[in-house]
Amino acid sequence: MWLAGAGAAALLVAFAIAAGLDVRTREVPDTLWLLLGLFGTALGVAGSWGDGWVPVLLWLVAGGFVLEHLVPWDQWIPSDRGADLIEIGVYGVVLAGVGLAAIRLGLGPTEVPAGVVAVVLTVLFARGLFEAGVLFGGADAKAVMVAGLVVPFFTTPILGVPSGAGPITSVLPFAVNLLLDAALLSIAAPLALALLNARRKEFHLRDGFTTFTIPVAELPHRWVWVRDPDVPVDRAEEDAIETSDEDRAWRVRIAQELERRGTQRVRVGPQLPFLVFLLAGAVAAVLVGNLVFDLILLV
């Protein structure tokens, strides 16, 4: 249990740092996830030390599987196709190796640790959500993967859970509980926007939960998307933005055009720093487990 506690403590500290960076700059360096991932791999190896070489090897494989997502293959490999093939190969080798080991040896401390399986499933879960567009940023997907490596399971939340939710919380990988908690807590964002718009008497059912207005002069300095129906925006160019500097330059150009027109206020949508919600979800998962199932079983 001390390994899970150490992992949870390290995770909360790292997520707090990442959330702060996400709020200020919208960018989180991969170095943070690399250090946390190496720590998680070390915890897994330490927990299996003395159980034989197979569990130790599998923890190294699981750690490498997560850390592989921090390797800039697209910068090292000349073609995008080559980088994609490498990743596909890594996925195939890891899934085949862990799957065959689980079938032949079974699950257990001296066979295939359940934590290793949880890590692999977490990677597939996070990658699937990223490819589906549910996790919009690469940093968000990496955060979920690394969280699953550092804390594969957290079976006993500090404040306890409803009796019926205990078995569910203990079986689901910690990262799944964390992500479901973050999704539930993120409902606070549209509610806050609705209250803000209502207080300003600017609430409209069509977009009152997703947008608000700001002075045009503030546009270059706010992390927002322009969603004003009177402002034509090239969505393809907007979608091509990759860095915070490109994002800021994009908003500067729009602000200059609006000021030229004499526009005073513009309707925008917030660029939500989802790592803040992931931090809140991590705290909730450590304290009370899975909020979604907790609430369902309490109703």
Protein backbone atom coordinates (compact mmCIF):
# COMPACT_ATOMS: atom_id res chain seq x y z
CA MET A 1 0.00 0.00 0.00
CA TRP A 2 2.93 2.34 0.64
CA LEU A 3 3.88 2.13 -3.04
CA ALA A 4 0.41 3.32 -4.05
CA GLY A 5 0.63 6.09 -1.47
CA ALA A 6 4.05 7.22 -2.71
CA GLY A 7 2.83 7.12 -6.30
CA ALA A 8 -0.32 9.10 -5.46
CA ALA A 9 1.68 11.75 -3.61
CA ALA A 10 4.13 12.16 -6.51
CA LEU A 11 1.25 12.24 -8.98
CA LEU A 12 -0.61 15.00 -7.13
CA VAL A 13 2.53 17.14 -6.92
CA ALA A 14 3.30 16.66 -10.63
CA PHE A 15 -0.31 17.33 -11.64
CA ALA A 16 -0.33 20.52 -9.55
CA ILE A 17 2.80 21.73 -11.37
CA ALA A 18 1.34 20.74 -14.75
CA ALA A 19 -1.99 22.44 -14.00
CA GLY A 20 -0.19 25.66 -13.09
CA LEU A 21 1.79 25.58 -16.32
CA ASP A 22 -1.34 24.77 -18.30
CA VAL A 23 -3.14 27.78 -16.87
CA ARG A 24 -0.25 30.18 -17.51
CA THR A 25 1.22 28.97 -20.81
CA ARG A 26 -1.02 26.15 -22.12
CA GLU A 27 2.12 24.03 -22.55
CA VAL A 28 3.54 21.33 -20.29
CA PRO A 29 7.08 20.07 -20.99
CA ASP A 30 7.48 16.36 -21.61
CA THR A 31 10.32 16.41 -19.06
CA LEU A 32 7.75 16.50 -16.27
CA TRP A 33 5.96 13.39 -17.57
CA LEU A 34 9.31 11.69 -18.25
CA LEU A 35 10.48 12.12 -14.65
CA LEU A 36 7.11 11.01 -13.27
CA GLY A 37 7.04 8.02 -15.64
CA LEU A 38 10.52 6.93 -14.59
CA PHE A 39 9.45 7.19 -10.95
CA GLY A 40 6.37 5.09 -11.68
CA THR A 41 8.48 2.45 -13.43
CA ALA A 42 10.83 2.36 -10.45
CA LEU A 43 7.86 1.88 -8.10
CA GLY A 44 6.60 -1.02 -10.18
CA VAL A 45 10.01 -2.69 -10.26
CA ALA A 46 10.45 -2.14 -6.50
CA GLY A 47 7.08 -3.72 -5.81
CA SER A 48 7.99 -6.82 -7.84
CA TRP A 49 11.58 -7.12 -6.68
CA GLY A 50 12.05 -10.56 -5.21
CA ASP A 51 9.10 -12.08 -7.10
CA GLY A 52 11.25 -13.27 -9.98
CA TRP A 53 12.60 -11.84 -13.20
CA VAL A 54 9.34 -12.09 -15.15
CA PRO A 55 7.36 -9.47 -13.15
CA VAL A 56 10.35 -7.14 -13.10
CA LEU A 57 10.78 -7.46 -16.87
CA LEU A 58 7.08 -6.87 -17.46
CA TRP A 59 7.15 -3.70 -15.33
CA LEU A 60 10.05 -2.45 -17.43
CA VAL A 61 8.03 -3.22 -20.56
CA ALA A 62 4.98 -1.40 -19.15
CA GLY A 63 7.09 1.61 -18.20
CA GLY A 64 8.71 1.68 -21.60
CA PHE A 65 5.29 1.45 -23.24
CA VAL A 66 4.17 4.63 -21.47
CA LEU A 67 7.46 6.49 -21.92
CA GLU A 68 7.49 5.68 -25.64
CA HIS A 69 4.74 8.26 -26.05
CA LEU A 70 7.20 10.93 -24.91
CA VAL A 71 9.68 10.12 -27.68
CA PRO A 72 9.48 12.68 -30.55
CA TRP A 73 9.38 10.06 -33.30
CA ASP A 74 8.14 12.63 -35.82
CA GLN A 75 11.31 14.66 -35.28
CA TRP A 76 13.66 11.70 -35.43
CA ILE A 77 12.08 9.86 -38.35
CA PRO A 78 12.10 11.58 -41.78
CA SER A 79 8.54 10.60 -42.71
CA ASP A 80 5.29 10.61 -40.76
CA ARG A 81 4.56 7.13 -42.07
CA GLY A 82 7.81 5.84 -40.62
CA ALA A 83 7.01 7.31 -37.20
CA ASP A 84 3.52 5.80 -37.33
CA LEU A 85 4.92 2.39 -38.24
CA ILE A 86 7.29 2.48 -35.28
CA GLU A 87 4.44 3.25 -32.90
CA ILE A 88 2.27 0.55 -34.41
CA GLY A 89 5.15 -1.87 -33.99
CA VAL A 90 5.62 -0.92 -30.34
CA TYR A 91 1.91 -1.40 -29.65
CA GLY A 92 1.91 -4.76 -31.41
CA VAL A 93 4.97 -6.09 -29.54
CA VAL A 94 3.77 -4.93 -26.12
CA LEU A 95 0.19 -6.18 -26.54
CA ALA A 96 1.36 -9.51 -27.93
CA GLY A 97 4.02 -9.96 -25.26
CA VAL A 98 1.88 -9.07 -22.25
CA GLY A 99 -1.14 -10.90 -23.68
CA LEU A 100 0.78 -14.13 -24.30
CA ALA A 101 2.45 -13.93 -20.91
CA ALA A 102 -0.94 -13.51 -19.22
CA ILE A 103 -2.38 -16.48 -21.12
CA ARG A 104 0.57 -18.79 -20.48
CA LEU A 105 1.52 -17.73 -16.94
CA GLY A 106 -1.66 -16.22 -15.54
CA LEU A 107 -2.03 -13.18 -13.31
CA GLY A 108 -0.26 -12.91 -9.99
CA PRO A 109 2.67 -11.35 -8.14
CA THR A 110 5.13 -13.90 -9.51
CA GLU A 111 3.49 -14.18 -12.94
CA VAL A 112 1.96 -11.18 -14.72
CA PRO A 113 1.25 -8.44 -12.16
CA ALA A 114 -2.27 -7.04 -12.36
CA GLY A 115 -0.71 -3.58 -12.26
CA VAL A 116 1.07 -4.24 -15.56
CA VAL A 117 -2.22 -5.17 -17.21
CA ALA A 118 -3.80 -2.02 -15.74
CA VAL A 119 -1.01 0.12 -17.23
CA VAL A 120 -1.43 -1.41 -20.69
CA LEU A 121 -5.22 -0.97 -20.57
CA THR A 122 -4.80 2.64 -19.41
CA VAL A 123 -2.55 3.42 -22.38
CA LEU A 124 -5.10 1.93 -24.78
CA PHE A 125 -7.90 3.83 -23.03
CA ALA A 126 -6.09 7.20 -23.15
CA ARG A 127 -4.90 6.70 -26.74
CA GLY A 128 -8.40 5.79 -27.84
CA LEU A 129 -9.87 8.89 -26.23
CA PHE A 130 -7.17 11.05 -27.84
CA GLU A 131 -7.75 9.63 -31.32
CA ALA A 132 -11.51 10.07 -30.85
CA GLY A 133 -11.01 13.73 -29.95
CA VAL A 134 -12.29 13.36 -26.39
CA LEU A 135 -8.87 14.25 -24.99
CA PHE A 136 -8.01 17.28 -27.11
CA GLY A 137 -4.39 17.85 -26.07
CA GLY A 138 -1.45 15.50 -26.27
CA ALA A 139 -0.42 16.60 -22.77
CA ASP A 140 -3.79 15.43 -21.43
CA ALA A 141 -3.39 11.95 -22.94
CA LYS A 142 0.20 11.70 -21.69
CA ALA A 143 -0.94 12.77 -18.23
CA VAL A 144 -3.54 9.99 -18.09
CA MET A 145 -1.04 7.38 -19.31
CA VAL A 146 1.62 8.41 -16.80
CA ALA A 147 -0.98 8.53 -14.01
CA GLY A 148 -1.84 4.91 -14.80
CA LEU A 149 1.83 3.95 -14.57
CA VAL A 150 2.52 5.75 -11.30
CA VAL A 151 -0.71 4.54 -9.66
CA PRO A 152 -2.10 1.46 -11.45
CA PHE A 153 -4.69 0.86 -8.69
CA PHE A 154 -5.74 2.79 -5.60
CA THR A 155 -8.02 0.28 -3.94
CA THR A 156 -8.72 2.09 -0.66
CA PRO A 157 -9.68 5.77 -1.02
CA ILE A 158 -8.73 7.82 2.03
CA LEU A 159 -12.26 8.94 2.90
CA GLY A 160 -13.92 5.70 1.90
CA VAL A 161 -16.66 5.02 -0.65
CA PRO A 162 -20.25 3.71 -0.55
CA SER A 163 -20.14 -0.01 0.18
CA GLY A 164 -21.48 -0.96 -3.24
CA ALA A 165 -18.93 1.19 -5.05
CA GLY A 166 -15.91 -0.32 -3.31
CA PRO A 167 -15.55 -3.37 -5.58
CA ILE A 168 -15.91 -1.19 -8.70
CA THR A 169 -13.36 1.37 -7.52
CA SER A 170 -10.83 -1.32 -6.63
CA VAL A 171 -11.14 -3.18 -9.94
CA LEU A 172 -10.98 -0.19 -12.29
CA PRO A 173 -7.50 1.21 -13.04
CA PHE A 174 -6.84 4.37 -11.07
CA ALA A 175 -6.52 6.46 -14.25
CA VAL A 176 -10.06 5.49 -15.28
CA ASN A 177 -11.43 6.63 -11.91
CA LEU A 178 -9.37 9.82 -12.21
CA LEU A 179 -10.65 10.60 -15.72
CA LEU A 180 -14.30 9.93 -14.88
CA ASP A 181 -13.98 12.17 -11.82
CA ALA A 182 -12.37 14.90 -13.94
CA ALA A 183 -15.16 14.66 -16.52
CA LEU A 184 -17.82 14.97 -13.83
CA LEU A 185 -16.09 17.92 -12.15
CA SER A 186 -15.62 19.69 -15.49
CA ILE A 187 -19.39 20.29 -15.52
CA ALA A 188 -18.55 23.23 -13.24
CA ALA A 189 -17.15 25.15 -16.24
CA PRO A 190 -20.38 25.54 -18.29
CA LEU A 191 -22.35 26.22 -15.11
CA ALA A 192 -19.93 29.00 -14.16
CA LEU A 193 -20.24 30.51 -17.66
CA ALA A 194 -24.03 30.40 -17.43
CA LEU A 195 -23.96 32.23 -14.09
CA LEU A 196 -21.52 34.81 -15.46
CA ASN A 197 -23.70 35.46 -18.50
CA ALA A 198 -26.84 35.60 -16.38
CA ARG A 199 -25.25 38.15 -14.05
CA ARG A 200 -24.29 40.29 -17.07
CA LYS A 201 -27.75 39.77 -18.64
CA GLU A 202 -26.03 38.22 -21.66
CA PHE A 203 -27.31 34.67 -21.31
CA HIS A 204 -28.64 32.98 -24.45
CA LEU A 205 -29.72 29.36 -24.44
CA ARG A 206 -27.81 28.70 -27.68
CA ASP A 207 -24.36 29.57 -26.34
CA GLY A 208 -24.80 30.79 -22.77
CA PHE A 209 -23.10 27.69 -21.34
CA THR A 210 -20.09 27.77 -23.67
CA THR A 211 -19.20 31.39 -24.44
CA PHE A 212 -18.97 34.86 -22.89
CA THR A 213 -17.92 38.34 -24.02
CA ILE A 214 -14.70 40.24 -23.36
CA PRO A 215 -13.31 43.60 -24.54
CA VAL A 216 -11.47 43.27 -27.84
CA ALA A 217 -8.38 44.81 -26.23
CA GLU A 218 -8.15 41.78 -23.91
CA LEU A 219 -8.30 39.22 -26.72
CA PRO A 220 -4.51 38.90 -27.23
CA HIS A 221 -4.03 38.30 -23.51
CA ARG A 222 -6.78 35.73 -22.85
CA TRP A 223 -6.65 32.01 -23.61
CA VAL A 224 -9.87 31.87 -25.61
CA TRP A 225 -11.35 30.88 -28.96
CA VAL A 226 -13.24 33.50 -30.95
CA ARG A 227 -16.83 32.27 -31.25
CA ASP A 228 -18.61 35.46 -32.21
CA PRO A 229 -21.07 34.87 -35.09
CA ASP A 230 -20.19 38.31 -36.48
CA VAL A 231 -16.47 37.50 -36.70
CA PRO A 232 -15.43 35.25 -39.61
CA VAL A 233 -12.77 32.81 -38.46
CA ASP A 234 -10.83 30.41 -40.67
CA ARG A 235 -11.40 27.16 -38.74
CA ALA A 236 -8.79 25.26 -40.77
CA GLU A 237 -6.13 27.81 -39.85
CA GLU A 238 -7.32 27.78 -36.25
CA ASP A 239 -7.12 23.97 -36.09
CA ALA A 240 -3.55 24.10 -37.45
CA ILE A 241 -2.33 26.05 -34.39
CA GLU A 242 0.17 23.93 -32.45
CA THR A 243 1.97 26.24 -30.02
CA SER A 244 0.96 28.91 -27.54
CA ASP A 245 2.94 31.51 -29.53
CA GLU A 246 0.99 30.68 -32.69
CA ASP A 247 -2.22 30.86 -30.70
CA ARG A 248 -1.41 34.29 -29.30
CA ALA A 249 -0.37 35.60 -32.74
CA TRP A 250 -3.68 34.34 -34.15
CA ARG A 251 -5.66 36.26 -31.51
CA VAL A 252 -3.54 39.39 -32.05
CA ARG A 253 -4.43 39.39 -35.76
CA ILE A 254 -8.14 38.99 -35.02
CA ALA A 255 -8.03 41.75 -32.38
CA GLN A 256 -6.33 44.13 -34.81
CA GLU A 257 -9.01 43.47 -37.42
CA LEU A 258 -11.81 44.00 -34.88
CA GLU A 259 -10.25 47.24 -33.63
CA ARG A 260 -9.99 48.44 -37.23
CA ARG A 261 -13.75 47.85 -37.55
CA GLY A 262 -14.44 49.69 -34.32
CA THR A 263 -15.77 46.57 -32.52
CA GLN A 264 -15.68 46.96 -28.73
CA ARG A 265 -16.54 43.48 -27.42
CA VAL A 266 -16.26 39.98 -28.85
CA ARG A 267 -17.87 36.68 -27.87
CA VAL A 268 -15.35 33.95 -27.04
CA GLY A 269 -15.16 30.44 -25.68
CA PRO A 270 -12.61 29.57 -22.99
CA GLN A 271 -9.67 27.34 -23.77
CA LEU A 272 -10.21 25.16 -20.74
CA PRO A 273 -6.98 23.95 -19.10
CA PHE A 274 -8.15 20.35 -18.73
CA LEU A 275 -5.12 19.49 -16.62
CA VAL A 276 -6.77 21.54 -13.86
CA PHE A 277 -9.73 19.16 -13.99
CA LEU A 278 -7.36 16.18 -14.14
CA LEU A 279 -5.75 17.46 -10.95
CA ALA A 280 -9.17 17.78 -9.33
CA GLY A 281 -10.05 14.31 -10.60
CA ALA A 282 -6.84 12.87 -9.15
CA VAL A 283 -7.59 14.42 -5.74
CA ALA A 284 -11.15 13.07 -5.87
CA ALA A 285 -9.96 9.58 -6.90
CA VAL A 286 -7.50 9.47 -4.00
CA LEU A 287 -10.05 10.72 -1.48
CA VAL A 288 -13.32 9.07 -2.52
CA GLY A 289 -12.64 6.83 -5.50
CA ASN A 290 -14.97 7.07 -8.49
CA LEU A 291 -17.44 9.94 -8.05
CA VAL A 292 -19.64 8.73 -10.90
CA PHE A 293 -20.30 5.32 -9.37
CA ASP A 294 -20.42 6.79 -5.88
CA LEU A 295 -23.25 9.11 -6.91
CA ILE A 296 -25.09 6.43 -8.87
CA LEU A 297 -25.10 4.08 -5.87
CA LEU A 298 -26.13 6.86 -3.49
CA VAL A 299 -29.17 7.84 -5.56
